[in-house]
């Protein structure tokens, strides 16, 4: 009994920051009004239909997210507090999984820094996005798939770093994979990741076959999504209602639309997550011993871009009003349209977005030359590119603008995770200034939460 009590106290002491996050999120959920939008609509639908009937009906008339909706509708029947508790757990799980991906530190003190940073980064998320279609509906359809999807990827990290996986963990990872893959964006992301690592493990002759099982789950889910009659019905209705000119877009137009919409969200709009990522990218460049002046310039491009285009926007509007067109350049048909394709100025915003992406990739590729961190850096590159893919595929949806910024949760989570990995590397290189970094991010996180409380009704 004493042994159990001692282990319990040690566990609580080591993870008190996550316990704090859960309690804080639960308190925050108390102020969220769930009596509106899809939250009310589906509660009313469940008064006359069973969960099974409603899920089946939606598969044939609207959506292929059957696994996700099965969980969602049962939570609705259990009452609002079941969602508040469950969603608080999911937020806490997201922070914990982000920490676990970065847990390559060599001391308990460094792990403490990593845990605090993971919580602070999660609190930087623009929470107001997740209430656009109703708090329950939006969190279940966006936050939960990305959180469970991230947890489903944890065994990949464990296999790569030869960490032990308990037998009971496999069942959890299978459930997480199936749940997350029920969402279209998450399914594509998991499909790409499991495919790449399946090939990688085959080449390395890795004995663990679990990633192959995850790949098959994602493949089956992808087929299920593509064959759903409801998705076809939904597509036709949404083209007619939200985006009548969508059918005129070519394949290249859709790719460009998805890329420019996602990249401009990070670069042309106030975004605390990308700001911190840009700062950490430059900090790592300065701390890496083999980084030269040229690489410092590449690493500084994202931060300079954010500083010029976002932080100094009032000055631009006052002294260089024409430059604000760059920020407002994404149209319903992309940046490059039939009306401006022959104008040089139309290509400047797209060039800036591509330059920012290339500068990030170039910085990481340079660090790949270090054999000690090569594997770690390639994972970081893959995280950023996979997050980008989830934004690009929105170009193939007529609701790319109607859905709003909530579809960016996958891209933002990828940037959050990449930021955490950068911080982990910064700690290993030098602990000088770590407290200042933590306090700085903590202040921004507190400001973000206060701002959110002022916005909610």
Foldseek 3Di string as FASTA:
>chain_A
DVVVVVVVVVVCVLQVVLVVQLVVQLVVLVQFDQCDFPSVVLLVVCVPDPQVVVLVVLLQAAAQLSLLSSVLSVQSVVDDSSLSNVLSVLLSLQLVLLLLLQPPDDDSVLSSLLSLLSSLLSLLDLVVLCCPRGNSVSCSQFVLLLSLLSLLCSVVSCLVVVHDDDPVVLVSSVSSLLNNLSHPLSLVLLLVVLVVVVVVCVVVVRPDCSSVVSNVSSVVSVVSRVPRNNNVNNQVVLCVPQNVCLVVADPVLLLQLLLLVLLLVLQQEDRPLSLLLLVLQLLLLVLDPPRDPVLSVLSNLSNVSNCVRPVCVVVCCVPPVVVVCLSVQQDLRHLQDPVPVVPPVSCVSVVSSVSNLVSSVVSLVVVLVPVVCVVVSVVLNSLQVSLSVLSSCLSVGSCNPVSPCSSSSSNSSSSSSSSSNSLSSSVVSDCPCSVVSSVVSNVSSVVSVVVSVVPHD
